[in-house]
Protein backbone atom coordinates (compact mmCIF):
# COMPACT_ATOMS: atom_id res chain seq x y z
CA MET A 1 14.92 55.22 -13.81
CA TRP A 2 14.81 52.51 -16.49
CA ILE A 3 16.69 50.08 -14.23
CA ILE A 4 14.08 50.50 -11.49
CA ILE A 5 11.28 49.72 -13.96
CA GLN A 6 13.16 46.63 -15.17
CA PHE A 7 13.80 45.55 -11.59
CA GLY A 8 10.10 45.89 -10.73
CA LEU A 9 8.89 44.04 -13.83
CA VAL A 10 11.35 41.18 -13.44
CA THR A 11 10.52 40.86 -9.74
CA ILE A 12 6.80 40.65 -10.55
CA LEU A 13 7.50 38.06 -13.25
CA LEU A 14 9.65 36.05 -10.83
CA LEU A 15 6.98 36.10 -8.13
CA PHE A 16 4.22 35.14 -10.58
CA SER A 17 6.22 32.28 -12.09
CA THR A 18 7.21 31.06 -8.62
CA LEU A 19 3.59 30.95 -7.49
CA ALA A 20 2.50 29.25 -10.73
CA ALA A 21 5.26 26.62 -10.47
CA TRP A 22 4.41 26.03 -6.83
CA TYR A 23 0.75 25.56 -7.73
CA GLU A 24 1.53 23.19 -10.62
CA GLY A 25 3.93 21.22 -8.44
CA SER A 26 1.29 20.68 -5.77
CA ALA A 27 -0.16 18.01 -8.08
CA ILE A 28 2.45 15.67 -6.61
CA LEU A 29 0.14 15.23 -3.63
CA ASP A 30 -2.33 13.43 -5.91
CA ASN A 31 0.28 11.15 -7.51
CA PRO A 32 1.68 8.80 -4.86
CA TRP A 33 3.47 6.69 -7.49
CA GLU A 34 5.75 9.70 -8.17
CA TRP A 35 6.75 10.18 -4.53
CA LYS A 36 9.67 7.80 -4.91
CA HIS A 37 11.11 9.59 -7.95
CA SER A 38 10.18 13.26 -7.48
CA THR A 39 10.75 14.02 -3.79
CA PRO A 40 14.51 14.34 -3.22
CA PHE A 41 14.22 16.97 -0.47
CA SER A 42 11.61 15.01 1.47
CA GLN A 43 13.69 11.87 1.20
CA MET A 44 16.68 13.74 2.61
CA LEU A 45 14.58 14.96 5.54
CA TYR A 46 12.34 11.99 6.31
CA GLY A 47 13.70 9.03 4.38
CA GLN A 48 10.98 7.15 2.53
CA VAL A 49 7.85 9.26 1.87
CA HIS A 50 4.66 7.46 2.91
CA SER A 51 2.13 10.27 3.27
CA LYS A 52 1.29 13.70 1.91
CA SER A 53 2.37 15.37 5.13
CA HIS A 54 5.98 14.24 4.58
CA ILE A 55 6.33 16.04 1.23
CA SER A 56 8.45 19.20 1.39
CA GLN A 57 7.35 22.39 -0.36
CA LEU A 58 10.62 22.36 -2.32
CA ASP A 59 9.59 19.08 -3.92
CA TYR A 60 6.67 20.92 -5.52
CA PHE A 61 9.22 22.78 -7.64
CA VAL A 62 11.02 19.54 -8.52
CA TYR A 63 7.77 17.96 -9.66
CA SER A 64 6.82 21.10 -11.59
CA ALA A 65 10.20 21.24 -13.33
CA LYS A 66 9.90 17.57 -14.23
CA PHE A 67 6.37 17.56 -15.65
CA HIS A 68 5.45 21.25 -16.32
CA PRO A 69 8.77 23.02 -17.05
CA ILE A 70 7.44 26.32 -18.43
CA PHE A 71 7.14 28.27 -15.16
CA PRO A 72 10.30 26.86 -13.56
CA SER A 73 12.16 27.88 -16.72
CA ILE A 74 10.72 31.39 -16.48
CA MET A 75 11.80 31.42 -12.81
CA ALA A 76 15.37 30.51 -13.75
CA ILE A 77 15.60 33.04 -16.58
CA SER A 78 14.11 35.89 -14.56
CA SER A 79 16.37 35.07 -11.58
CA LEU A 80 19.40 35.17 -13.84
CA TYR A 81 18.27 38.45 -15.40
CA LEU A 82 17.70 39.89 -11.93
CA LEU A 83 21.20 38.88 -10.82
CA ILE A 84 22.73 40.47 -13.92
CA LEU A 85 20.66 43.63 -13.44
CA ILE A 86 21.72 43.95 -9.80
CA GLY A 87 25.36 43.36 -10.74
CA TYR A 88 25.12 45.97 -13.48
CA TYR A 89 23.55 48.50 -11.13
CA PHE A 90 26.21 48.16 -8.45
CA LEU A 91 29.23 47.61 -10.72
CA LYS A 92 28.36 49.96 -13.61
CA PRO A 93 31.20 52.42 -12.98
CA GLN A 94 33.69 49.57 -12.52
CA HIS A 95 33.64 47.84 -15.91
CA LYS A 96 36.36 45.37 -15.04
CA ARG A 97 34.60 44.18 -11.89
CA PHE A 98 31.33 43.79 -13.80
CA ALA A 99 33.17 41.68 -16.37
CA TYR A 100 34.56 39.51 -13.56
CA PHE A 101 31.06 39.26 -12.06
CA LEU A 102 29.69 38.03 -15.39
CA LEU A 103 32.60 35.61 -15.76
CA ILE A 104 31.97 34.12 -12.32
CA LEU A 105 28.24 33.95 -12.93
CA GLY A 106 28.75 32.28 -16.31
CA GLY A 107 31.27 29.87 -14.85
CA GLY A 108 28.82 28.94 -12.12
CA LEU A 109 26.12 28.30 -14.69
CA PHE A 110 28.47 26.26 -16.86
CA ASP A 111 29.50 24.19 -13.87
CA ASP A 112 25.87 23.23 -13.13
CA VAL A 113 25.41 21.67 -16.56
C-alpha cells in the first residue's frame, strides 16, 4: 500500500513540476535574442528560428532549465525516483536483478555527465 501512495505522490509532483517548468519556459517567446542560443530542438526541425511559431514546446524546457532550473531539477529527481520505485516494485523478489537495474540506471546517469 505504501508503494502506491509513493507512486501517486511522485506522479503528482512530476506533473506539477512539468507544468511549472513548461510555464516558466514559455518566457522564451518574449526574448527573441535567446532564440539563437536556447532553441536546439526548433533549430533541428526548422533551421534558423525567425518567429514565435517556429519554437518547439521542448525548447520551453531547455529555456526553463537554463534560466529557472528549480522545476526542471524537481522533474529530473522525481522521474529518477519514479523509475527506481517502479524497478523496486517489479524486481523486489529478485534482488540480483534489482541490483543490475540500479547498476544500469546509475551507469546511464554517469554517462550523461
